[in-house]
Amino acid sequence: MTAPADRPLVFVSYAREDKELCRRLVLMLGLVLKERGYEVWWDQTMIGGSWKDQIDSSLDRAVAGLLLVSEYSLTSEFVMDEELPRLLARCTVAPIYGSPCPWRNVAVVARLQFLGSTESALSELDERRGELGELVACDVDAVDLSANLDRLFTNKRFAREFERFFS
């Protein structure tokens, strides 16, 4: 399903190898963004037809971009040479530290303001404490967004940065 054209679109860029982590991230962030009137787009929302045309159309509509940073996204030619440059040319892009990797060595990523902490990657939180998985397993109707964002990052920093970034 494509995003309604009347809602501002947030494009999520990630490497295919990070699909499961991205799915969980999109579920969590999608709840917050939809509450604020945004549509979240990632390639799993595509419908039949040309995948390249759908990605191009979504990149052209993006008002903000999220980059799930991992060793896979940093080495993905499609992410680094296609999606990221197009997003940077048109809107603000916030990286999210997905899994441990040498992101500080990639100049285009290192100069961006990360959304959330770079002390612990999302995959580490998931592996050590199951926080991301626990959040996603919640009944969507019962999710208290602020409390779950705070619980995920063990403090209010992410929620504050998220609100500031998209306000």
C-alpha atoms as a PDB file:
ATOM      1  CA  MET A   1       0.000   0.000   0.000  1.00  0.00           C
ATOM      2  CA  THR A   2       1.310   3.415  -0.854  1.00  0.00           C
ATOM      3  CA  ALA A   3       1.066   6.388   1.477  1.00  0.00           C
ATOM      4  CA  PRO A   4      -1.795   8.824   1.020  1.00  0.00           C
ATOM      5  CA  ALA A   5      -0.471  11.860  -0.837  1.00  0.00           C
ATOM      6  CA  ASP A   6      -2.018  14.282   1.659  1.00  0.00           C
ATOM      7  CA  ARG A   7       0.073  13.026   4.606  1.00  0.00           C
ATOM      8  CA  PRO A   8       3.742  14.029   4.961  1.00  0.00           C
ATOM      9  CA  LEU A   9       5.924  11.004   4.334  1.00  0.00           C
ATOM     10  CA  VAL A  10       8.877   9.793   6.413  1.00  0.00           C
ATOM     11  CA  PHE A  11      11.100   7.491   4.346  1.00  0.00           C
ATOM     12  CA  VAL A  12      12.952   4.710   6.194  1.00  0.00           C
ATOM     13  CA  SER A  13      16.181   3.615   4.547  1.00  0.00           C
ATOM     14  CA  TYR A  14      17.786   0.338   5.593  1.00  0.00           C
ATOM     15  CA  ALA A  15      19.694  -2.635   4.210  1.00  0.00           C
ATOM     16  CA  ARG A  16      17.771  -5.789   3.368  1.00  0.00           C
ATOM     17  CA  GLU A  17      19.791  -7.772   5.940  1.00  0.00           C
ATOM     18  CA  ASP A  18      18.272  -5.577   8.671  1.00  0.00           C
ATOM     19  CA  LYS A  19      14.688  -6.263   7.601  1.00  0.00           C
ATOM     20  CA  GLU A  20      13.518  -7.723  10.927  1.00  0.00           C
ATOM     21  CA  LEU A  21      15.045  -4.944  13.040  1.00  0.00           C
ATOM     22  CA  CYS A  22      13.610  -2.368  10.646  1.00  0.00           C
ATOM     23  CA  ARG A  23      10.170  -3.982  10.820  1.00  0.00           C
ATOM     24  CA  ARG A  24      10.173  -3.620  14.573  1.00  0.00           C
ATOM     25  CA  LEU A  25      11.464  -0.055  14.380  1.00  0.00           C
ATOM     26  CA  VAL A  26       8.828   0.908  11.814  1.00  0.00           C
ATOM     27  CA  LEU A  27       6.108  -0.548  13.989  1.00  0.00           C
ATOM     28  CA  MET A  28       7.271   1.463  16.995  1.00  0.00           C
ATOM     29  CA  LEU A  29       7.962   4.716  15.164  1.00  0.00           C
ATOM     30  CA  GLY A  30       4.943   4.300  12.927  1.00  0.00           C
ATOM     31  CA  LEU A  31       2.667   4.515  15.926  1.00  0.00           C
ATOM     32  CA  VAL A  32       4.187   7.817  17.034  1.00  0.00           C
ATOM     33  CA  LEU A  33       4.417   9.287  13.548  1.00  0.00           C
ATOM     34  CA  LYS A  34       0.862   8.373  12.572  1.00  0.00           C
ATOM     35  CA  GLU A  35      -0.357  10.057  15.765  1.00  0.00           C
ATOM     36  CA  ARG A  36       1.405  13.188  14.550  1.00  0.00           C
ATOM     37  CA  GLY A  37      -0.096  12.957  11.045  1.00  0.00           C
ATOM     38  CA  TYR A  38       2.855  11.418   9.201  1.00  0.00           C
ATOM     39  CA  GLU A  39       2.952   8.344   7.006  1.00  0.00           C
ATOM     40  CA  VAL A  40       5.920   5.996   7.421  1.00  0.00           C
ATOM     41  CA  TRP A  41       7.232   4.417   4.232  1.00  0.00           C
ATOM     42  CA  TRP A  42       9.650   1.528   3.911  1.00  0.00           C
ATOM     43  CA  ASP A  43       9.959  -0.958   1.087  1.00  0.00           C
ATOM     44  CA  GLN A  44       7.681  -3.485   2.789  1.00  0.00           C
ATOM     45  CA  THR A  45       4.748  -1.155   2.100  1.00  0.00           C
ATOM     46  CA  MET A  46       5.218  -1.564  -1.657  1.00  0.00           C
ATOM     47  CA  ILE A  47       2.531  -3.127  -3.776  1.00  0.00           C
ATOM     48  CA  GLY A  48       2.939  -5.023  -7.059  1.00  0.00           C
ATOM     49  CA  GLY A  49       4.620  -3.204  -9.898  1.00  0.00           C
ATOM     50  CA  SER A  50       7.981  -1.606 -10.348  1.00  0.00           C
ATOM     51  CA  TRP A  51       9.820  -1.498  -7.025  1.00  0.00           C
ATOM     52  CA  LYS A  52      12.204   1.160  -8.354  1.00  0.00           C
ATOM     53  CA  ASP A  53       9.336   3.453  -9.390  1.00  0.00           C
ATOM     54  CA  GLN A  54       7.705   3.082  -5.973  1.00  0.00           C
ATOM     55  CA  ILE A  55      10.961   3.852  -4.157  1.00  0.00           C
ATOM     56  CA  ASP A  56      11.590   6.851  -6.428  1.00  0.00           C
ATOM     57  CA  SER A  57       8.077   8.176  -5.851  1.00  0.00           C
ATOM     58  CA  SER A  58       8.422   7.814  -2.083  1.00  0.00           C
ATOM     59  CA  LEU A  59      11.846   9.467  -2.079  1.00  0.00           C
ATOM     60  CA  ASP A  60      10.326  12.358  -4.044  1.00  0.00           C
ATOM     61  CA  ARG A  61       7.552  12.769  -1.452  1.00  0.00           C
ATOM     62  CA  ALA A  62       9.712  12.439   1.667  1.00  0.00           C
ATOM     63  CA  VAL A  63       9.670  15.302   4.151  1.00  0.00           C
ATOM     64  CA  ALA A  64      12.099  13.482   6.461  1.00  0.00           C
ATOM     65  CA  GLY A  65      14.305  10.423   6.305  1.00  0.00           C
ATOM     66  CA  LEU A  66      15.366   7.844   8.839  1.00  0.00           C
ATOM     67  CA  LEU A  67      18.480   5.778   8.208  1.00  0.00           C
ATOM     68  CA  LEU A  68      18.816   2.510  10.127  1.00  0.00           C
ATOM     69  CA  VAL A  69      22.597   2.417  10.552  1.00  0.00           C
ATOM     70  CA  SER A  70      24.352  -0.948  10.506  1.00  0.00           C
ATOM     71  CA  GLU A  71      27.342  -2.572   8.861  1.00  0.00           C
ATOM     72  CA  TYR A  72      24.928  -3.652   6.130  1.00  0.00           C
ATOM     73  CA  SER A  73      23.454  -0.228   5.401  1.00  0.00           C
ATOM     74  CA  LEU A  74      26.892   1.395   5.435  1.00  0.00           C
ATOM     75  CA  THR A  75      28.084  -1.071   2.781  1.00  0.00           C
ATOM     76  CA  SER A  76      24.893  -1.116   0.726  1.00  0.00           C
ATOM     77  CA  GLU A  77      25.420   0.648  -2.582  1.00  0.00           C
ATOM     78  CA  PHE A  78      21.686   1.232  -2.919  1.00  0.00           C
ATOM     79  CA  VAL A  79      21.376   2.835   0.513  1.00  0.00           C
ATOM     80  CA  MET A  80      24.571   4.891   0.362  1.00  0.00           C
ATOM     81  CA  ASP A  81      24.601   5.828  -3.340  1.00  0.00           C
ATOM     82  CA  GLU A  82      20.881   6.037  -4.169  1.00  0.00           C
ATOM     83  CA  GLU A  83      18.604   6.586  -1.186  1.00  0.00           C
ATOM     84  CA  LEU A  84      20.748   8.587   1.232  1.00  0.00           C
ATOM     85  CA  PRO A  85      21.985  11.206  -1.280  1.00  0.00           C
ATOM     86  CA  ARG A  86      18.452  11.782  -2.555  1.00  0.00           C
ATOM     87  CA  LEU A  87      17.093  12.139   0.955  1.00  0.00           C
ATOM     88  CA  LEU A  88      19.877  14.514   1.995  1.00  0.00           C
ATOM     89  CA  ALA A  89      19.217  16.661  -1.077  1.00  0.00           C
ATOM     90  CA  ARG A  90      15.576  17.226  -0.129  1.00  0.00           C
ATOM     91  CA  CYS A  91      15.027  16.824   3.611  1.00  0.00           C
ATOM     92  CA  THR A  92      16.416  16.241   7.078  1.00  0.00           C
ATOM     93  CA  VAL A  93      17.782  12.744   7.650  1.00  0.00           C
ATOM     94  CA  ALA A  94      18.179  11.270  11.116  1.00  0.00           C
ATOM     95  CA  PRO A  95      20.256   8.136  11.500  1.00  0.00           C
ATOM     96  CA  ILE A  96      19.198   5.567  14.094  1.00  0.00           C
ATOM     97  CA  TYR A  97      21.934   3.341  15.505  1.00  0.00           C
ATOM     98  CA  GLY A  98      20.690  -0.095  14.501  1.00  0.00           C
ATOM     99  CA  SER A  99      23.627  -2.401  15.149  1.00  0.00           C
ATOM    100  CA  PRO A 100      27.294  -2.014  16.126  1.00  0.00           C
ATOM    101  CA  CYS A 101      29.340  -0.747  13.208  1.00  0.00           C
ATOM    102  CA  PRO A 102      32.057   1.824  12.458  1.00  0.00           C
ATOM    103  CA  TRP A 103      29.597   4.590  11.519  1.00  0.00           C
ATOM    104  CA  ARG A 104      31.986   7.293  12.738  1.00  0.00           C
ATOM    105  CA  ASN A 105      34.283   6.356   9.824  1.00  0.00           C
ATOM    106  CA  VAL A 106      31.606   7.174   7.244  1.00  0.00           C
ATOM    107  CA  ALA A 107      31.725  10.956   6.876  1.00  0.00           C
ATOM    108  CA  VAL A 108      28.245  11.433   5.398  1.00  0.00           C
ATOM    109  CA  VAL A 109      26.708   9.559   8.350  1.00  0.00           C
ATOM    110  CA  ALA A 110      29.054  10.856  11.059  1.00  0.00           C
ATOM    111  CA  ARG A 111      28.092  14.472  10.409  1.00  0.00           C
ATOM    112  CA  LEU A 112      24.363  13.792  10.898  1.00  0.00           C
ATOM    113  CA  GLN A 113      22.498  14.178  14.186  1.00  0.00           C
ATOM    114  CA  PHE A 114      21.431  10.721  15.360  1.00  0.00           C
ATOM    115  CA  LEU A 115      17.943  10.188  16.655  1.00  0.00           C
ATOM    116  CA  GLY A 116      18.433   8.481  19.993  1.00  0.00           C
ATOM    117  CA  SER A 117      21.601   7.299  21.633  1.00  0.00           C
ATOM    118  CA  THR A 118      24.712   6.021  19.880  1.00  0.00           C
ATOM    119  CA  GLU A 119      25.861   4.374  23.105  1.00  0.00           C
ATOM    120  CA  SER A 120      23.736   1.255  22.599  1.00  0.00           C
ATOM    121  CA  ALA A 121      22.469   0.014  19.258  1.00  0.00           C
ATOM    122  CA  LEU A 122      18.859  -1.081  18.877  1.00  0.00           C
ATOM    123  CA  SER A 123      20.033  -4.627  18.201  1.00  0.00           C
ATOM    124  CA  GLU A 124      21.980  -4.628  21.469  1.00  0.00           C
ATOM    125  CA  LEU A 125      18.951  -3.479  23.419  1.00  0.00           C
ATOM    126  CA  ASP A 126      16.945  -6.239  21.826  1.00  0.00           C
ATOM    127  CA  GLU A 127      19.575  -8.909  22.481  1.00  0.00           C
ATOM    128  CA  ARG A 128      20.411  -7.932  26.055  1.00  0.00           C
ATOM    129  CA  ARG A 129      17.013  -7.010  27.455  1.00  0.00           C
ATOM    130  CA  GLY A 130      14.413  -7.801  24.833  1.00  0.00           C
ATOM    131  CA  GLU A 131      13.124  -4.220  25.049  1.00  0.00           C
ATOM    132  CA  LEU A 132      12.422  -3.672  21.368  1.00  0.00           C
ATOM    133  CA  GLY A 133      10.771  -7.056  20.970  1.00  0.00           C
ATOM    134  CA  GLU A 134       8.705  -6.505  24.103  1.00  0.00           C
ATOM    135  CA  LEU A 135       7.504  -3.166  22.772  1.00  0.00           C
ATOM    136  CA  VAL A 136       6.490  -4.673  19.443  1.00  0.00           C
ATOM    137  CA  ALA A 137       4.702  -7.583  21.129  1.00  0.00           C
ATOM    138  CA  CYS A 138       2.367  -5.184  22.965  1.00  0.00           C
ATOM    139  CA  ASP A 139      -1.232  -4.873  21.881  1.00  0.00           C
ATOM    140  CA  VAL A 140      -1.166  -1.794  19.630  1.00  0.00           C
ATOM    141  CA  ASP A 141      -4.418  -0.449  21.089  1.00  0.00           C
ATOM    142  CA  ALA A 142      -2.952  -0.542  24.587  1.00  0.00           C
ATOM    143  CA  VAL A 143       0.435   1.002  23.810  1.00  0.00           C
ATOM    144  CA  ASP A 144       1.268   4.152  25.728  1.00  0.00           C
ATOM    145  CA  LEU A 145       3.674   5.660  23.217  1.00  0.00           C
ATOM    146  CA  SER A 146       5.640   7.922  25.513  1.00  0.00           C
ATOM    147  CA  ALA A 147       6.091   5.255  28.171  1.00  0.00           C
ATOM    148  CA  ASN A 148       7.192   2.666  25.624  1.00  0.00           C
ATOM    149  CA  LEU A 149       9.658   5.009  23.955  1.00  0.00           C
ATOM    150  CA  ASP A 150      11.070   5.873  27.366  1.00  0.00           C
ATOM    151  CA  ARG A 151      11.267   2.206  28.344  1.00  0.00           C
ATOM    152  CA  LEU A 152      12.971   1.288  25.084  1.00  0.00           C
ATOM    153  CA  PHE A 153      15.811   3.738  25.600  1.00  0.00           C
ATOM    154  CA  THR A 154      15.765   3.583  29.417  1.00  0.00           C
ATOM    155  CA  ASN A 155      15.400   7.348  29.582  1.00  0.00           C
ATOM    156  CA  LYS A 156      13.444  10.170  27.979  1.00  0.00           C
ATOM    157  CA  ARG A 157      16.223  11.275  25.639  1.00  0.00           C
ATOM    158  CA  PHE A 158      14.889   9.484  22.566  1.00  0.00           C
ATOM    159  CA  ALA A 159      11.325  10.713  23.080  1.00  0.00           C
ATOM    160  CA  ARG A 160      12.536  14.317  23.506  1.00  0.00           C
ATOM    161  CA  GLU A 161      14.797  14.117  20.453  1.00  0.00           C
ATOM    162  CA  PHE A 162      12.044  12.513  18.424  1.00  0.00           C
ATOM    163  CA  GLU A 163       9.560  15.231  19.345  1.00  0.00           C
ATOM    164  CA  ARG A 164      12.128  17.961  18.646  1.00  0.00           C
ATOM    165  CA  PHE A 165      13.139  16.430  15.305  1.00  0.00           C
ATOM    166  CA  PHE A 166       9.599  16.194  13.959  1.00  0.00           C
ATOM    167  CA  SER A 167       8.052  19.326  15.477  1.00  0.00           C
END
